[in-house]
Amino acid sequence: MRFIVREQPKERRRSSGQMRYEQDGRPTGAMETWRVSCPMTGYEVLRVDLDAQDAPSGHSYLYHLVRQENGRFERLGVRFWGSGITVEATLIFDEQGITGTRTVNGITYPVDAPGGTFWFPSSIGLGLLAGVSSTETAVTLNTDLSEPTAAFAIRTVDIATQWGDKTTLNTAGQAFAVRPFTIQWADQTRTLWLNEHNWPLKMARGDGLTAIETRYVRY
């Protein structure tokens, strides 16, 4: 697993896992590895490495999210490289909104945007939306690379969510009680299967792309 900031000796690991991406049941070569740790009382850190170097896109994404245990975001670090684009971003969350910087191919842009329900682009990142109301305005990062200067800029979208009925998901050598949670925005739809901790164990997109936890550990 690659990191923006490595775990420190004082951090207590809480959970970790890895998701394998498949297209119509065949592995794409992309893997999403994640860890949650507690650096101090009242805070947790979520690290995510979405590695698609061996997939058709060849992209890599790293995320480092610091948030309070009540779910309030404090800071997000982002790294991306692929398609001739490199991005480094630091976002700070407070009551006034989201500030920080975003550096694309060596050019730095300021970030100053309204706050709101936030997720970052990955299956684990989508899990940050678990529990939001049926319709809501949310904030994410732009992954449309057709205009490089706008890569990973703040993007505001209207989302709609819906829960499905409880079911059982067999994965990572275990049987989990899960509940499907569908998220729609713009022309996009994703369904997550969330466990009792509201953690994604599976993701499905309408075109046959899925991600499934192949390893899930709680400490």
Protein backbone atom coordinates (compact mmCIF):
# COMPACT_ATOMS: atom_id res chain seq x y z
CA MET A 1 0.00 0.00 0.00
CA ARG A 2 1.23 3.48 -0.90
CA PHE A 3 0.72 6.46 1.39
CA ILE A 4 0.67 10.24 1.39
CA VAL A 5 1.60 10.12 5.08
CA ARG A 6 2.65 6.81 6.58
CA GLU A 7 1.14 5.51 9.80
CA GLN A 8 2.90 6.75 12.91
CA PRO A 9 3.87 4.43 15.80
CA LYS A 10 1.26 6.04 18.08
CA GLU A 11 -1.62 5.29 15.70
CA ARG A 12 -3.95 2.45 16.64
CA ARG A 13 -5.25 0.58 13.61
CA ARG A 14 -9.02 0.01 13.64
CA SER A 15 -9.79 -1.66 10.33
CA SER A 16 -8.28 -2.39 6.93
CA GLY A 17 -9.10 -4.10 3.69
CA GLN A 18 -8.73 -4.36 -0.05
CA MET A 19 -11.24 -4.22 -2.89
CA ARG A 20 -10.73 -5.88 -6.27
CA TYR A 21 -12.25 -4.23 -9.34
CA GLU A 22 -13.89 -6.44 -11.97
CA GLN A 23 -15.57 -5.81 -15.31
CA ASP A 24 -18.33 -8.32 -16.02
CA GLY A 25 -16.75 -10.67 -13.48
CA ARG A 26 -13.19 -10.41 -14.81
CA PRO A 27 -10.47 -8.64 -12.79
CA THR A 28 -9.45 -5.31 -14.34
CA GLY A 29 -6.10 -5.14 -12.55
CA ALA A 30 -7.26 -2.29 -10.28
CA MET A 31 -7.16 -2.68 -6.50
CA GLU A 32 -8.30 -0.33 -3.74
CA THR A 33 -6.46 -0.78 -0.45
CA TRP A 34 -7.52 1.09 2.67
CA ARG A 35 -6.81 1.51 6.38
CA VAL A 36 -8.54 3.31 9.24
CA SER A 37 -6.50 4.25 12.30
CA CYS A 38 -6.81 6.40 15.42
CA PRO A 39 -3.93 8.88 15.90
CA MET A 40 -5.40 10.40 19.07
CA THR A 41 -8.60 10.41 21.09
CA GLY A 42 -11.50 11.82 19.09
CA TYR A 43 -9.88 11.53 15.65
CA GLU A 44 -9.42 8.95 12.92
CA VAL A 45 -7.44 8.76 9.70
CA LEU A 46 -8.63 7.03 6.53
CA ARG A 47 -5.90 6.14 4.03
CA VAL A 48 -6.86 4.90 0.55
CA ASP A 49 -4.66 3.69 -2.30
CA LEU A 50 -6.65 3.14 -5.50
CA ASP A 51 -4.07 1.54 -7.77
CA ALA A 52 -5.15 1.09 -11.38
CA GLN A 53 -1.65 1.01 -12.86
CA ASP A 54 -2.35 -2.51 -14.19
CA ALA A 55 -5.85 -1.59 -15.40
CA PRO A 56 -6.67 0.00 -18.78
CA SER A 57 -6.64 3.56 -17.35
CA GLY A 58 -3.22 3.22 -15.70
CA HIS A 59 -4.28 5.77 -13.09
CA SER A 60 -3.27 6.05 -9.44
CA TYR A 61 -5.14 7.80 -6.62
CA LEU A 62 -4.05 8.33 -3.02
CA TYR A 63 -6.24 9.86 -0.30
CA HIS A 64 -5.47 10.79 3.30
CA LEU A 65 -8.56 11.91 5.23
CA VAL A 66 -8.43 13.20 8.80
CA ARG A 67 -11.79 13.48 10.51
CA GLN A 68 -13.28 13.63 13.96
CA GLU A 69 -14.95 10.52 15.33
CA ASN A 70 -18.31 12.27 14.99
CA GLY A 71 -17.70 12.27 11.21
CA ARG A 72 -16.72 15.91 10.79
CA PHE A 73 -13.96 16.30 8.20
CA GLU A 74 -10.80 18.21 9.08
CA ARG A 75 -8.33 17.71 6.21
CA LEU A 76 -7.97 15.72 3.00
CA GLY A 77 -4.75 15.09 1.10
CA VAL A 78 -4.98 13.93 -2.53
CA ARG A 79 -2.43 12.62 -5.00
CA PHE A 80 -3.18 11.54 -8.58
CA TRP A 81 -1.10 10.62 -11.58
CA GLY A 82 -2.09 9.27 -14.96
CA SER A 83 -2.89 10.32 -18.56
CA GLY A 84 0.01 12.78 -18.43
CA ILE A 85 -1.48 14.60 -15.42
CA THR A 86 -0.20 14.82 -11.85
CA VAL A 87 -2.23 16.37 -9.05
CA GLU A 88 -1.39 17.22 -5.45
CA ALA A 89 -4.13 18.78 -3.35
CA THR A 90 -4.75 19.67 0.28
CA LEU A 91 -8.28 20.56 1.38
CA ILE A 92 -9.20 22.05 4.75
CA PHE A 93 -12.80 21.73 5.98
CA ASP A 94 -14.38 24.17 8.43
CA GLU A 95 -17.74 25.78 9.12
CA GLN A 96 -17.18 28.38 6.39
CA GLY A 97 -16.45 25.88 3.63
CA ILE A 98 -13.50 24.19 1.94
CA THR A 99 -10.16 25.92 1.37
CA GLY A 100 -6.69 24.80 0.35
CA THR A 101 -4.59 24.36 -2.76
CA ARG A 102 -4.60 22.15 -5.85
CA THR A 103 -1.43 21.71 -7.91
CA VAL A 104 -1.84 20.32 -11.43
CA ASN A 105 1.30 19.61 -13.47
CA GLY A 106 3.26 22.04 -11.34
CA ILE A 107 0.76 24.92 -11.43
CA THR A 108 -0.97 25.71 -8.12
CA TYR A 109 -4.57 26.90 -7.88
CA PRO A 110 -6.35 28.11 -4.72
CA VAL A 111 -9.38 26.23 -3.42
CA ASP A 112 -12.21 28.22 -1.86
CA ALA A 113 -15.61 26.56 -2.11
CA PRO A 114 -18.81 26.10 -0.11
CA GLY A 115 -18.90 23.10 2.18
CA GLY A 116 -21.43 20.31 2.31
CA THR A 117 -21.70 16.55 2.34
CA PHE A 118 -18.45 15.36 0.75
CA TRP A 119 -17.05 12.24 -0.88
CA PHE A 120 -13.87 11.54 -2.80
CA PRO A 121 -13.86 9.49 -6.02
CA SER A 122 -13.39 5.83 -5.09
CA SER A 123 -15.58 3.02 -3.77
CA ILE A 124 -14.43 3.66 -0.21
CA GLY A 125 -14.89 7.39 -0.76
CA LEU A 126 -18.50 6.82 -1.83
CA GLY A 127 -19.05 5.13 1.52
CA LEU A 128 -18.69 8.55 3.14
CA LEU A 129 -22.21 9.25 1.83
CA ALA A 130 -23.76 6.43 3.87
CA GLY A 131 -26.74 7.73 5.77
CA VAL A 132 -27.30 10.98 3.87
CA SER A 133 -30.89 11.97 3.20
CA SER A 134 -32.76 10.86 0.08
CA THR A 135 -31.96 14.09 -1.80
CA GLU A 136 -29.13 16.44 -1.02
CA THR A 137 -26.50 18.70 -2.54
CA ALA A 138 -23.06 17.17 -2.16
CA VAL A 139 -19.47 18.06 -2.94
CA THR A 140 -16.82 15.91 -4.64
CA LEU A 141 -13.74 16.20 -6.86
CA ASN A 142 -13.77 16.51 -10.63
CA THR A 143 -12.17 13.48 -12.32
CA ASP A 144 -12.94 14.55 -15.88
CA LEU A 145 -9.41 14.90 -17.28
CA SER A 146 -10.43 16.38 -20.65
CA GLU A 147 -9.54 19.83 -19.27
CA PRO A 148 -6.38 19.23 -17.20
CA THR A 149 -6.48 22.57 -15.38
CA ALA A 150 -9.83 21.53 -13.83
CA ALA A 151 -8.59 18.12 -12.67
CA PHE A 152 -9.72 17.43 -9.10
CA ALA A 153 -11.35 20.83 -8.69
CA ILE A 154 -14.29 21.03 -6.29
CA ARG A 155 -17.54 19.98 -7.93
CA THR A 156 -21.05 20.41 -6.49
CA VAL A 157 -23.76 17.94 -7.51
CA ASP A 158 -27.29 17.02 -6.50
CA ILE A 159 -27.51 13.44 -5.26
CA ALA A 160 -30.40 11.10 -4.57
CA THR A 161 -30.03 8.02 -2.37
CA GLN A 162 -32.13 4.96 -1.63
CA TRP A 163 -31.77 2.01 0.74
CA GLY A 164 -32.62 -1.53 -0.29
CA ASP A 165 -33.59 -4.56 1.77
CA LYS A 166 -31.12 -6.35 4.01
CA THR A 167 -29.37 -9.35 2.52
CA THR A 168 -26.27 -11.51 2.97
CA LEU A 169 -23.00 -11.01 1.09
CA ASN A 170 -20.39 -13.76 1.02
CA THR A 171 -16.91 -12.35 0.50
CA ALA A 172 -13.44 -12.29 2.05
CA GLY A 173 -14.16 -15.72 3.53
CA GLN A 174 -17.09 -14.45 5.59
CA ALA A 175 -20.85 -14.00 5.40
CA PHE A 176 -21.85 -10.39 6.07
CA ALA A 177 -25.26 -8.91 6.77
CA VAL A 178 -25.44 -5.97 4.36
CA ARG A 179 -27.89 -3.45 3.02
CA PRO A 180 -27.67 -1.99 -0.51
CA PHE A 181 -27.40 1.80 -0.73
CA THR A 182 -27.88 3.38 -4.17
CA ILE A 183 -26.50 6.83 -5.02
CA GLN A 184 -27.45 8.80 -8.13
CA TRP A 185 -25.97 12.06 -9.42
CA ALA A 186 -25.95 13.64 -12.88
CA ASP A 187 -25.96 10.60 -15.22
CA GLN A 188 -24.17 8.35 -12.71
CA THR A 189 -25.49 5.55 -10.49
CA ARG A 190 -23.58 3.47 -7.95
CA THR A 191 -24.83 0.86 -5.50
CA LEU A 192 -22.88 0.05 -2.35
CA TRP A 193 -23.47 -2.92 -0.08
CA LEU A 194 -22.82 -1.62 3.44
CA ASN A 195 -22.20 -3.71 6.54
CA GLU A 196 -23.36 -2.96 10.09
CA HIS A 197 -20.64 -0.31 10.38
CA ASN A 198 -21.88 1.41 7.20
CA TRP A 199 -18.69 0.29 5.44
CA PRO A 200 -18.70 -0.63 1.72
CA LEU A 201 -18.07 -4.32 1.05
CA LYS A 202 -19.14 -4.14 -2.60
CA MET A 203 -19.73 -1.49 -5.26
CA ALA A 204 -21.58 -1.88 -8.56
CA ARG A 205 -21.87 0.46 -11.53
CA GLY A 206 -24.46 0.04 -14.25
CA ASP A 207 -21.97 -0.90 -16.97
CA GLY A 208 -20.81 -4.10 -15.25
CA LEU A 209 -17.96 -2.61 -13.22
CA THR A 210 -17.85 -3.89 -9.65
CA ALA A 211 -15.51 -3.73 -6.68
CA ILE A 212 -15.59 -6.40 -3.98
CA GLU A 213 -13.78 -6.65 -0.65
CA THR A 214 -11.33 -9.53 -0.83
CA ARG A 215 -9.87 -8.73 2.58
CA TYR A 216 -11.66 -7.10 5.53
CA VAL A 217 -10.23 -6.90 9.05
CA ARG A 218 -11.37 -5.12 12.20
CA TYR A 219 -8.83 -4.85 15.00
